Amino acid sequence: MLDLLNLQNSTQGNSITGIIFTVVLAFVLSTSIGLAYIKTFRGLSYSRNFVQAMMLSSIVSAIVMNAIGDSLARGLGMIGALAIIRFRTNLKDSRDIIFMFAALASGIACGVGAYLVGIAGIAMFIGAAFLLYHSQMTKTSFYDGILRFTLSNNESDTKLFANIMNSHCKVYALITMKEVSQGTRFEYAYHIKIKDKSSNELLVRELKEKLPELQGLNLMLQETTVEL
């Protein structure tokens, strides 16, 4: 029969109570990170599997760090074992990577016994996440869009168009331009950044009213890019 006491003493002298406390605290910290991720998520839907993986990753990292302890041989062996595994899941959003690293860091802190560092660090991380979520410095004040139209080859109309764009757009850049109607008209495509969301209707209305020669006006706005 296995001597459980000897097995326990060979694991860096950690008690069963200490191991359970480490795992539970790591899971509580990663759960807090997961809840903060859900509350500060700006997309249409989040991946439930990613959130669950983030919550469970701290337990794995805590167990790994607890098992390695101060042993260099165990650390090298763990590196060799993990090198066999191929992680092929791609995290396309850099914000998801940061939250995953935070969950792993909480498990590492608990695994090495730095409980105060883990608790204080994760608390500050969550606070910073909510601060950035409600802060104005991460909110854009302009909106991307594509403006397409045809306009007569007239210098006065071109200058008037430039004045209208300068009053409503933060910046605008010509993407394509080609001749139509045997050179009497040009077809334009502009990449624009509108200063205010409510200015899109004003921009379209003013272009139609002040430029009667303008035809085929089409404005496509893209405020955010969200992957489901």
Protein backbone atom coordinates (compact mmCIF):
# COMPACT_ATOMS: atom_id res chain seq x y z
CA MET A 1 0.00 0.00 0.00
CA LEU A 2 1.24 3.44 -0.86
CA ASP A 3 2.42 5.57 1.98
CA LEU A 4 0.42 8.77 1.45
CA LEU A 5 2.38 10.59 4.13
CA ASN A 6 5.68 10.00 2.35
CA LEU A 7 4.18 11.06 -0.97
CA GLN A 8 2.92 14.23 0.64
CA ASN A 9 6.28 15.06 2.24
CA SER A 10 8.06 14.56 -1.11
CA THR A 11 5.97 17.35 -2.64
CA GLN A 12 7.99 20.27 -1.28
CA GLY A 13 6.52 19.70 2.16
CA ASN A 14 3.12 21.08 1.16
CA SER A 15 0.15 19.96 3.19
CA ILE A 16 -3.11 18.80 1.67
CA THR A 17 -4.82 21.84 3.16
CA GLY A 18 -2.27 24.16 1.57
CA ILE A 19 -2.66 22.53 -1.85
CA ILE A 20 -6.45 22.78 -1.70
CA PHE A 21 -6.23 26.40 -0.59
CA THR A 22 -3.85 27.18 -3.48
CA VAL A 23 -6.12 25.62 -6.09
CA VAL A 24 -9.28 27.21 -4.70
CA LEU A 25 -7.72 30.68 -4.49
CA ALA A 26 -6.37 30.38 -8.04
CA PHE A 27 -9.83 29.43 -9.29
CA VAL A 28 -11.47 32.33 -7.41
CA LEU A 29 -9.01 34.82 -8.89
CA SER A 30 -9.41 33.49 -12.43
CA THR A 31 -13.20 33.49 -12.02
CA SER A 32 -13.01 37.16 -11.04
CA ILE A 33 -10.96 37.80 -14.17
CA GLY A 34 -13.52 35.94 -16.27
CA LEU A 35 -16.41 37.95 -14.85
CA ALA A 36 -14.50 41.18 -15.49
CA TYR A 37 -13.90 40.02 -19.06
CA ILE A 38 -17.62 39.42 -19.57
CA LYS A 39 -18.62 42.77 -18.04
CA THR A 40 -16.10 44.76 -20.10
CA PHE A 41 -16.63 42.89 -23.39
CA ARG A 42 -17.68 45.23 -26.20
CA GLY A 43 -18.57 42.75 -28.94
CA LEU A 44 -21.91 41.17 -29.80
CA SER A 45 -21.15 37.78 -28.28
CA TYR A 46 -18.24 36.19 -26.49
CA SER A 47 -16.91 32.65 -26.58
CA ARG A 48 -18.16 30.64 -23.61
CA ASN A 49 -15.41 28.08 -24.13
CA PHE A 50 -12.74 30.79 -23.97
CA VAL A 51 -14.12 32.16 -20.70
CA GLN A 52 -14.24 28.68 -19.16
CA ALA A 53 -10.72 27.92 -20.39
CA MET A 54 -9.51 31.17 -18.85
CA MET A 55 -11.06 30.27 -15.50
CA LEU A 56 -9.56 26.77 -15.53
CA SER A 57 -6.09 27.80 -16.74
CA SER A 58 -5.15 29.21 -13.35
CA ILE A 59 -5.71 25.83 -11.72
CA VAL A 60 -3.38 24.16 -14.22
CA SER A 61 -0.66 26.79 -13.78
CA ALA A 62 -0.98 26.62 -9.98
CA ILE A 63 -0.62 22.83 -10.00
CA VAL A 64 2.38 23.03 -12.34
CA MET A 65 4.18 25.63 -10.21
CA ASN A 66 3.35 23.74 -7.02
CA ALA A 67 4.70 20.50 -8.48
CA ILE A 68 7.92 22.11 -9.74
CA GLY A 69 8.69 24.01 -6.57
CA ASP A 70 12.39 24.89 -6.34
CA SER A 71 13.57 21.83 -8.26
CA LEU A 72 15.50 22.62 -11.44
CA ALA A 73 15.20 19.05 -12.64
CA ARG A 74 11.41 19.14 -12.34
CA GLY A 75 11.28 22.43 -14.21
CA LEU A 76 13.31 21.05 -17.11
CA GLY A 77 11.19 17.93 -17.17
CA MET A 78 8.01 19.98 -17.23
CA ILE A 79 9.34 22.04 -20.15
CA GLY A 80 10.08 18.86 -22.06
CA ALA A 81 6.61 17.47 -21.35
CA LEU A 82 4.84 20.66 -22.41
CA ALA A 83 6.94 20.84 -25.59
CA ILE A 84 5.14 17.72 -26.81
CA ILE A 85 1.79 19.50 -26.73
CA ARG A 86 0.86 21.66 -29.71
CA PHE A 87 -1.54 24.51 -28.95
CA ARG A 88 -3.19 25.40 -32.25
CA THR A 89 -5.93 27.70 -30.97
CA ASN A 90 -5.43 31.25 -32.24
CA LEU A 91 -6.56 34.24 -30.18
CA LYS A 92 -7.29 36.93 -32.77
CA ASP A 93 -8.04 39.66 -30.24
CA SER A 94 -5.02 40.98 -28.33
CA ARG A 95 -7.32 41.79 -25.40
CA ASP A 96 -8.18 38.10 -25.04
CA ILE A 97 -4.47 37.27 -24.84
CA ILE A 98 -3.97 39.76 -22.00
CA PHE A 99 -6.86 38.31 -20.00
CA MET A 100 -5.55 34.77 -20.55
CA PHE A 101 -2.11 35.85 -19.35
CA ALA A 102 -3.70 37.43 -16.27
CA ALA A 103 -5.45 34.14 -15.44
CA LEU A 104 -2.19 32.23 -15.86
CA ALA A 105 -0.36 34.80 -13.72
CA SER A 106 -2.89 34.36 -10.92
CA GLY A 107 -2.29 30.61 -10.96
CA ILE A 108 1.48 31.06 -10.99
CA ALA A 109 1.34 33.47 -8.04
CA CYS A 110 -0.77 31.04 -6.04
CA GLY A 111 1.38 28.10 -7.07
CA VAL A 112 4.58 29.68 -5.70
CA GLY A 113 2.83 30.78 -2.51
CA ALA A 114 2.73 34.51 -3.33
CA TYR A 115 -0.93 34.80 -2.34
CA LEU A 116 -0.80 38.50 -1.48
CA VAL A 117 0.86 39.31 -4.80
CA GLY A 118 -1.81 37.35 -6.67
CA ILE A 119 -4.74 38.93 -4.84
CA ALA A 120 -3.42 42.51 -5.02
CA GLY A 121 -2.22 42.17 -8.61
CA ILE A 122 -5.46 40.70 -9.95
CA ALA A 123 -7.52 43.27 -8.04
CA MET A 124 -5.54 46.07 -9.69
CA PHE A 125 -5.82 44.36 -13.08
CA ILE A 126 -9.61 44.13 -12.80
CA GLY A 127 -9.81 47.72 -11.62
CA ALA A 128 -7.73 48.88 -14.59
CA ALA A 129 -9.95 46.88 -16.97
CA PHE A 130 -13.11 48.59 -15.69
CA LEU A 131 -11.36 51.97 -15.70
CA LEU A 132 -10.43 51.60 -19.36
CA TYR A 133 -13.92 50.30 -20.18
CA HIS A 134 -15.58 53.43 -18.80
CA SER A 135 -12.80 55.83 -19.79
CA GLN A 136 -13.15 58.22 -22.72
CA MET A 137 -9.58 57.72 -23.91
CA THR A 138 -10.43 54.31 -25.41
CA LYS A 139 -13.52 55.58 -27.21
CA THR A 140 -13.06 56.91 -30.72
CA SER A 141 -14.67 60.23 -31.65
CA PHE A 142 -14.81 59.49 -35.39
CA TYR A 143 -16.26 56.75 -37.55
CA ASP A 144 -14.78 54.97 -40.55
CA GLY A 145 -16.63 54.87 -43.83
CA ILE A 146 -16.41 54.58 -47.60
CA LEU A 147 -17.93 57.35 -49.76
CA ARG A 148 -18.62 56.60 -53.45
CA PHE A 149 -20.08 58.96 -56.08
CA THR A 150 -19.65 60.37 -59.56
CA LEU A 151 -19.00 64.07 -60.20
CA SER A 152 -18.58 66.22 -63.26
CA ASN A 153 -15.10 67.26 -64.32
CA ASN A 154 -15.47 70.78 -62.97
CA GLU A 155 -12.90 72.63 -60.85
CA SER A 156 -15.51 74.63 -58.94
CA ASP A 157 -17.41 71.47 -57.96
CA THR A 158 -14.16 69.89 -56.79
CA LYS A 159 -13.34 72.84 -54.54
CA LEU A 160 -16.88 72.91 -53.12
CA PHE A 161 -16.66 69.18 -52.41
CA ALA A 162 -13.37 69.69 -50.55
CA ASN A 163 -14.92 72.42 -48.37
CA ILE A 164 -17.87 70.19 -47.44
CA MET A 165 -15.59 67.27 -46.58
CA ASN A 166 -13.34 69.42 -44.42
CA SER A 167 -16.31 70.62 -42.36
CA HIS A 168 -17.68 67.14 -41.62
CA CYS A 169 -14.68 64.78 -41.74
CA LYS A 170 -11.67 64.48 -39.53
CA VAL A 171 -9.64 63.10 -42.42
CA TYR A 172 -10.46 61.73 -45.87
CA ALA A 173 -8.32 60.03 -48.49
CA LEU A 174 -8.95 59.21 -52.14
CA ILE A 175 -8.94 55.46 -52.80
CA THR A 176 -9.87 55.18 -56.47
CA MET A 177 -10.76 57.56 -59.30
CA LYS A 178 -11.69 56.65 -62.86
CA GLU A 179 -13.21 58.35 -65.88
CA VAL A 180 -16.82 57.71 -66.87
CA SER A 181 -19.10 59.15 -69.54
CA GLN A 182 -16.20 59.61 -71.97
CA GLY A 183 -14.19 61.75 -69.58
CA THR A 184 -16.96 64.23 -68.73
CA ARG A 185 -17.42 62.74 -65.27
CA PHE A 186 -15.24 60.96 -62.69
CA GLU A 187 -16.15 58.14 -60.33
CA TYR A 188 -14.59 58.63 -56.87
CA ALA A 189 -14.16 56.41 -53.82
CA TYR A 190 -12.98 58.03 -50.57
CA HIS A 191 -12.02 56.54 -47.23
CA ILE A 192 -13.38 58.98 -44.65
CA LYS A 193 -13.41 59.44 -40.88
CA ILE A 194 -16.46 61.42 -39.78
CA LYS A 195 -16.02 63.64 -36.74
CA ASP A 196 -19.43 62.89 -35.23
CA LYS A 197 -21.80 59.95 -35.74
CA SER A 198 -24.70 62.34 -36.33
CA SER A 199 -22.77 64.10 -39.11
CA ASN A 200 -23.24 61.29 -41.61
CA GLU A 201 -26.77 62.38 -42.53
CA LEU A 202 -25.72 66.02 -42.65
CA LEU A 203 -22.81 65.15 -44.92
CA VAL A 204 -25.02 63.29 -47.39
CA ARG A 205 -27.69 66.00 -47.34
CA GLU A 206 -25.21 68.82 -47.87
CA LEU A 207 -23.47 67.02 -50.73
CA LYS A 208 -26.78 66.49 -52.52
CA GLU A 209 -28.00 70.05 -51.96
CA LYS A 210 -24.81 71.96 -52.83
CA LEU A 211 -23.60 69.65 -55.61
CA PRO A 212 -26.49 68.95 -57.97
CA GLU A 213 -24.05 67.39 -60.47
CA LEU A 214 -23.13 64.70 -57.93
CA GLN A 215 -24.73 61.33 -58.71
CA GLY A 216 -24.72 57.79 -57.34
CA LEU A 217 -23.88 58.90 -53.79
CA ASN A 218 -23.25 55.92 -51.50
CA LEU A 219 -21.95 56.11 -47.92
CA MET A 220 -21.01 52.91 -46.06
CA LEU A 221 -20.12 53.31 -42.39
CA GLN A 222 -18.25 50.78 -40.31
CA GLU A 223 -18.20 51.81 -36.67
CA THR A 224 -16.79 48.58 -35.23
CA THR A 225 -15.50 45.26 -36.44
CA VAL A 226 -16.87 42.35 -34.42
CA GLU A 227 -16.15 38.66 -34.92
CA LEU A 228 -18.84 36.29 -33.72
